[in-house]
Amino acid sequence: MCNKKLLLFLLIFSLSARCFSQDLIEKKEKLADKMTAVYTVLKSDEQVKDGLYQEFYRRKHLIVSGIYKKGRKTGVWRYFNPKGVLMQTYNVDKDSIVYEAFESRASGFDYLVDEELTDSDKTTKPLKIGGRYYGYLPYLAIYKTPFISYYWGSGLYEGKVELLISPLGRLADMKVTVMGPDLLQGTRLSLKLLKEEDKQFVPATINHKPVICRIIIHCRVDGDGGLVLFDDDMRRGVKYDPPHINYGVDDDF
């Protein structure tokens, strides 16, 4: 009798899974920066994502994993760097960053405020949904050097992306500087080039009070003249430093 019940349950489960799978279609979409998205959409409306959504770097390194339900993100989303390190866990339903990866001085990010701090001040850095890899790709992707050089990708040229974040957590300004043996070029970019979600941050705080903060992202110039994030173990040869929030005064935007 038990075996019959078990067989009946398995049959019902198999039929339901088959019906569910027939209601969805798997899609693969080539994105910018050598990334590919793999997801499912409703068979009745292929514009509506439903089910597991993933993005891969070079088709094999998972960098995003989460769930869509009838076109809307839901549940817990996880963001990785190309090495497979979990950078951030974000709960969409609660609009809450559950986990943010450890950050060393070699991360390639600096955080600056125009205030003097004491040892007793409690500070938090600004945060971006998507973590320190995936969350910042849009700011690198919209910039291309205006000319082609034989030396791009040689390591001789570096870039610096500066983001000005308001106390309300809004991106207020953006500037890119490219530096090399024969080049020093600064460009202020229009925020209209970004999506609305790319203009939103969790603001920095000093003693629980939100403050204006600059995020400095140190990059390298790749062979196509685009900007690429430094790996933690590439920047200035620094390794295994303790966590930090490097506050200080920087040049004006």
Protein backbone atom coordinates (compact mmCIF):
# COMPACT_ATOMS: atom_id res chain seq x y z
CA MET A 1 0.00 0.00 0.00
CA CYS A 2 2.81 2.40 0.92
CA ASN A 3 4.59 1.62 -2.32
CA LYS A 4 1.43 2.41 -4.31
CA LYS A 5 1.07 5.75 -2.49
CA LEU A 6 4.73 6.56 -3.16
CA LEU A 7 4.38 5.69 -6.86
CA LEU A 8 1.23 7.83 -7.09
CA PHE A 9 3.02 10.78 -5.44
CA LEU A 10 6.01 10.47 -7.78
CA LEU A 11 3.69 10.30 -10.80
CA ILE A 12 1.80 13.45 -9.73
CA PHE A 13 5.08 15.27 -8.99
CA SER A 14 6.52 14.28 -12.35
CA LEU A 15 3.41 15.46 -14.22
CA SER A 16 3.35 18.79 -12.34
CA ALA A 17 7.06 19.41 -13.01
CA ARG A 18 6.54 18.56 -16.68
CA CYS A 19 3.56 20.93 -16.96
CA PHE A 20 5.53 23.66 -15.19
CA SER A 21 8.53 23.22 -17.48
CA GLN A 22 6.23 23.42 -20.51
CA ASP A 23 5.00 26.82 -19.27
CA LEU A 24 8.55 28.23 -19.35
CA ILE A 25 11.14 28.74 -22.07
CA GLU A 26 14.87 28.96 -21.41
CA LYS A 27 16.67 31.97 -22.87
CA LYS A 28 20.33 32.84 -23.31
CA GLU A 29 21.31 36.45 -23.85
CA LYS A 30 24.76 37.82 -24.63
CA LEU A 31 25.48 40.88 -22.49
CA ALA A 32 28.30 43.41 -22.52
CA ASP A 33 31.69 42.82 -20.89
CA LYS A 34 31.94 39.12 -21.88
CA MET A 35 28.88 38.16 -19.85
CA THR A 36 25.96 35.90 -20.71
CA ALA A 37 22.55 35.73 -19.03
CA VAL A 38 20.66 32.44 -18.73
CA TYR A 39 17.04 32.59 -17.56
CA THR A 40 13.49 31.35 -18.19
CA VAL A 41 10.49 33.29 -19.45
CA LEU A 42 6.77 32.60 -19.59
CA LYS A 43 5.76 30.70 -22.67
CA SER A 44 2.65 32.87 -22.90
CA ASP A 45 4.73 36.10 -22.77
CA GLU A 46 8.43 35.84 -23.53
CA GLN A 47 9.03 39.36 -22.21
CA VAL A 48 8.29 38.21 -18.65
CA LYS A 49 11.12 36.51 -16.75
CA ASP A 50 10.02 33.76 -14.37
CA GLY A 51 12.22 31.32 -12.45
CA LEU A 52 15.99 31.08 -12.02
CA TYR A 53 18.10 33.91 -13.46
CA GLN A 54 21.90 33.63 -13.74
CA GLU A 55 24.71 35.61 -15.33
CA PHE A 56 28.08 34.12 -16.28
CA TYR A 57 31.43 35.74 -17.04
CA ARG A 58 33.09 34.12 -20.07
CA ARG A 59 30.21 31.61 -20.03
CA LYS A 60 31.59 29.64 -17.09
CA HIS A 61 32.04 31.90 -14.05
CA LEU A 62 28.76 32.49 -12.20
CA ILE A 63 28.49 36.11 -11.04
CA VAL A 64 24.72 36.54 -10.40
CA SER A 65 22.05 34.13 -9.20
CA GLY A 66 18.48 34.93 -8.21
CA ILE A 67 14.77 34.28 -8.84
CA TYR A 68 12.21 36.15 -10.91
CA LYS A 69 8.49 35.73 -10.27
CA LYS A 70 6.30 36.98 -13.10
CA GLY A 71 8.79 39.63 -14.14
CA ARG A 72 9.86 40.83 -10.69
CA LYS A 73 12.92 39.93 -8.65
CA THR A 74 12.15 38.08 -5.45
CA GLY A 75 13.90 36.31 -2.59
CA VAL A 76 17.64 36.27 -1.99
CA TRP A 77 20.04 37.25 -4.78
CA ARG A 78 23.74 36.39 -4.68
CA TYR A 79 26.56 38.24 -6.43
CA PHE A 80 30.05 36.83 -7.07
CA ASN A 81 33.31 38.04 -8.60
CA PRO A 82 34.81 36.12 -11.59
CA LYS A 83 36.87 34.01 -9.17
CA GLY A 84 33.70 32.64 -7.59
CA VAL A 85 34.01 34.59 -4.34
CA LEU A 86 30.64 35.60 -2.87
CA MET A 87 30.67 39.41 -2.76
CA GLN A 88 27.16 40.17 -1.57
CA THR A 89 23.83 38.61 -0.60
CA TYR A 90 20.78 40.82 -1.05
CA ASN A 91 17.22 40.14 0.09
CA VAL A 92 14.96 41.75 -2.51
CA ASP A 93 11.72 41.35 -0.54
CA LYS A 94 13.17 43.08 2.52
CA ASP A 95 15.32 45.51 0.49
CA SER A 96 18.23 44.54 2.74
CA ILE A 97 21.89 43.68 2.15
CA VAL A 98 22.32 40.51 4.21
CA TYR A 99 26.04 39.96 3.57
CA GLU A 100 28.89 42.13 2.25
CA ALA A 101 32.30 40.54 1.58
CA PHE A 102 35.40 41.48 3.54
CA GLU A 103 37.28 44.40 1.97
CA SER A 104 41.04 44.89 2.22
CA ARG A 105 43.10 47.93 1.28
CA ALA A 106 43.93 46.14 -1.95
CA SER A 107 40.30 46.09 -3.09
CA GLY A 108 40.77 48.95 -5.55
CA PHE A 109 38.16 51.10 -3.77
CA ASP A 110 38.68 54.21 -1.64
CA TYR A 111 35.98 56.11 0.27
CA LEU A 112 36.50 59.82 0.99
CA VAL A 113 34.59 62.42 3.02
CA ASP A 114 35.41 66.09 3.51
CA GLU A 115 35.42 65.89 7.28
CA GLU A 116 38.06 65.32 9.91
CA LEU A 117 37.55 62.11 11.82
CA THR A 118 38.63 61.02 15.27
CA ASP A 119 39.40 57.52 16.51
CA SER A 120 36.08 57.48 18.37
CA ASP A 121 33.97 58.21 15.27
CA LYS A 122 31.89 55.32 13.96
CA THR A 123 31.83 55.18 10.19
CA THR A 124 30.20 53.06 7.52
CA LYS A 125 31.08 53.11 3.83
CA PRO A 126 28.53 53.49 1.02
CA LEU A 127 27.19 50.23 -0.37
CA LYS A 128 25.93 49.29 -3.81
CA ILE A 129 23.47 46.48 -4.49
CA GLY A 130 25.42 43.90 -6.49
CA GLY A 131 28.60 44.14 -4.42
CA ARG A 132 32.04 45.48 -5.28
CA TYR A 133 32.28 43.62 -8.57
CA TYR A 134 28.91 43.30 -10.29
CA GLY A 135 27.37 46.41 -8.71
CA TYR A 136 30.02 48.72 -10.18
CA LEU A 137 30.26 47.32 -13.72
CA PRO A 138 27.75 49.85 -15.17
CA TYR A 139 30.04 52.77 -14.28
CA LEU A 140 32.99 51.21 -16.08
CA ALA A 141 30.96 50.03 -19.08
CA ILE A 142 29.77 53.48 -20.19
CA TYR A 143 33.31 54.77 -20.72
CA LYS A 144 35.56 54.09 -23.69
CA THR A 145 38.84 55.87 -24.37
CA PRO A 146 38.41 58.24 -27.35
CA PHE A 147 41.28 56.75 -29.35
CA ILE A 148 43.06 53.44 -29.83
CA SER A 149 46.58 52.88 -28.58
CA TYR A 150 48.93 49.97 -29.19
CA TYR A 151 49.74 50.06 -25.48
CA TRP A 152 46.22 49.52 -24.11
CA GLY A 153 46.25 46.41 -21.95
CA SER A 154 49.99 46.68 -21.34
CA GLY A 155 49.57 47.72 -17.71
CA LEU A 156 51.04 51.17 -18.43
CA TYR A 157 47.64 52.87 -18.32
CA GLU A 158 45.29 53.07 -15.37
CA GLY A 159 41.87 54.59 -14.86
CA LYS A 160 40.08 56.14 -11.92
CA VAL A 161 36.29 56.39 -11.65
CA GLU A 162 35.00 58.90 -9.08
CA LEU A 163 31.41 58.70 -7.87
CA LEU A 164 29.92 61.42 -5.66
CA ILE A 165 27.18 59.99 -3.42
CA SER A 166 24.75 62.29 -1.59
CA PRO A 167 23.55 61.77 2.01
CA LEU A 168 20.30 60.48 0.49
CA GLY A 169 22.20 57.73 -1.31
CA ARG A 170 21.90 59.29 -4.77
CA LEU A 171 24.66 59.44 -7.36
CA ALA A 172 25.26 63.19 -7.80
CA ASP A 173 28.28 63.26 -10.13
CA MET A 174 30.65 60.97 -12.01
CA LYS A 175 34.12 61.55 -13.41
CA VAL A 176 36.62 59.26 -15.17
CA THR A 177 40.36 59.90 -15.35
CA VAL A 178 42.77 57.89 -17.50
CA MET A 179 46.50 58.09 -16.75
CA GLY A 180 49.60 56.81 -18.56
CA PRO A 181 53.14 57.75 -19.63
CA ASP A 182 51.83 60.14 -22.30
CA LEU A 183 48.23 60.71 -21.20
CA LEU A 184 46.26 62.38 -18.42
CA GLN A 185 42.63 62.86 -19.36
CA GLY A 186 39.65 63.61 -17.17
CA THR A 187 36.05 63.33 -18.37
CA ARG A 188 32.83 64.13 -16.52
CA LEU A 189 30.07 61.76 -17.66
CA SER A 190 26.35 62.48 -17.89
CA LEU A 191 24.24 60.59 -15.36
CA LYS A 192 21.60 60.23 -18.08
CA LEU A 193 23.73 57.39 -19.47
CA LEU A 194 22.85 55.29 -16.41
CA LYS A 195 19.69 53.46 -15.42
CA GLU A 196 17.74 54.75 -12.44
CA GLU A 197 18.79 51.76 -10.30
CA ASP A 198 22.46 52.60 -10.96
CA LYS A 199 21.99 55.98 -9.28
CA GLN A 200 20.92 54.48 -5.94
CA PHE A 201 23.27 53.60 -3.05
CA VAL A 202 23.20 52.98 0.66
CA PRO A 203 24.88 56.22 1.85
CA ALA A 204 28.00 56.47 3.99
CA THR A 205 27.50 57.45 7.64
CA ILE A 206 29.52 59.08 10.40
CA ASN A 207 28.17 58.39 13.88
CA HIS A 208 24.95 57.07 12.29
CA LYS A 209 24.44 60.30 10.29
CA PRO A 210 24.37 60.02 6.46
CA VAL A 211 27.08 62.12 4.78
CA ILE A 212 28.37 63.03 1.33
CA CYS A 213 31.01 60.55 0.21
CA ARG A 214 33.26 60.01 -2.80
CA ILE A 215 33.90 56.49 -4.03
CA ILE A 216 37.19 56.17 -5.92
CA ILE A 217 37.40 53.04 -8.10
CA HIS A 218 40.91 52.21 -9.34
CA CYS A 219 40.93 50.41 -12.69
CA ARG A 220 43.21 49.33 -15.48
CA VAL A 221 42.77 49.95 -19.20
CA ASP A 222 42.20 46.75 -21.17
CA GLY A 223 43.21 45.96 -24.74
CA ASP A 224 40.02 47.51 -26.15
CA GLY A 225 40.47 50.81 -24.34
CA GLY A 226 37.81 50.02 -21.73
CA LEU A 227 38.08 50.01 -17.96
CA VAL A 228 38.44 46.83 -15.90
CA LEU A 229 38.39 46.48 -12.11
CA PHE A 230 41.65 45.56 -10.40
CA ASP A 231 41.66 42.21 -8.62
CA ASP A 232 42.29 42.38 -4.88
CA ASP A 233 45.75 40.89 -5.34
CA MET A 234 46.77 43.13 -8.29
CA ARG A 235 46.52 46.64 -6.88
CA ARG A 236 49.90 48.08 -5.94
CA GLY A 237 51.14 44.70 -4.77
CA VAL A 238 49.29 45.02 -1.47
CA LYS A 239 47.97 41.85 0.13
CA TYR A 240 46.15 40.74 3.27
CA ASP A 241 45.61 44.20 4.78
CA PRO A 242 42.94 44.60 7.46
CA PRO A 243 39.49 45.98 6.65
CA HIS A 244 39.41 49.72 6.13
CA ILE A 245 37.38 52.77 5.39
CA ASN A 246 39.84 55.23 3.96
CA TYR A 247 38.28 58.59 4.74
CA GLY A 248 40.07 61.81 3.87
CA VAL A 249 39.98 64.95 1.77
CA ASP A 250 40.26 64.60 -2.00
CA ASP A 251 40.41 67.09 -4.89
CA ASP A 252 37.10 68.64 -5.87
CA PHE A 253 35.09 67.05 -8.64
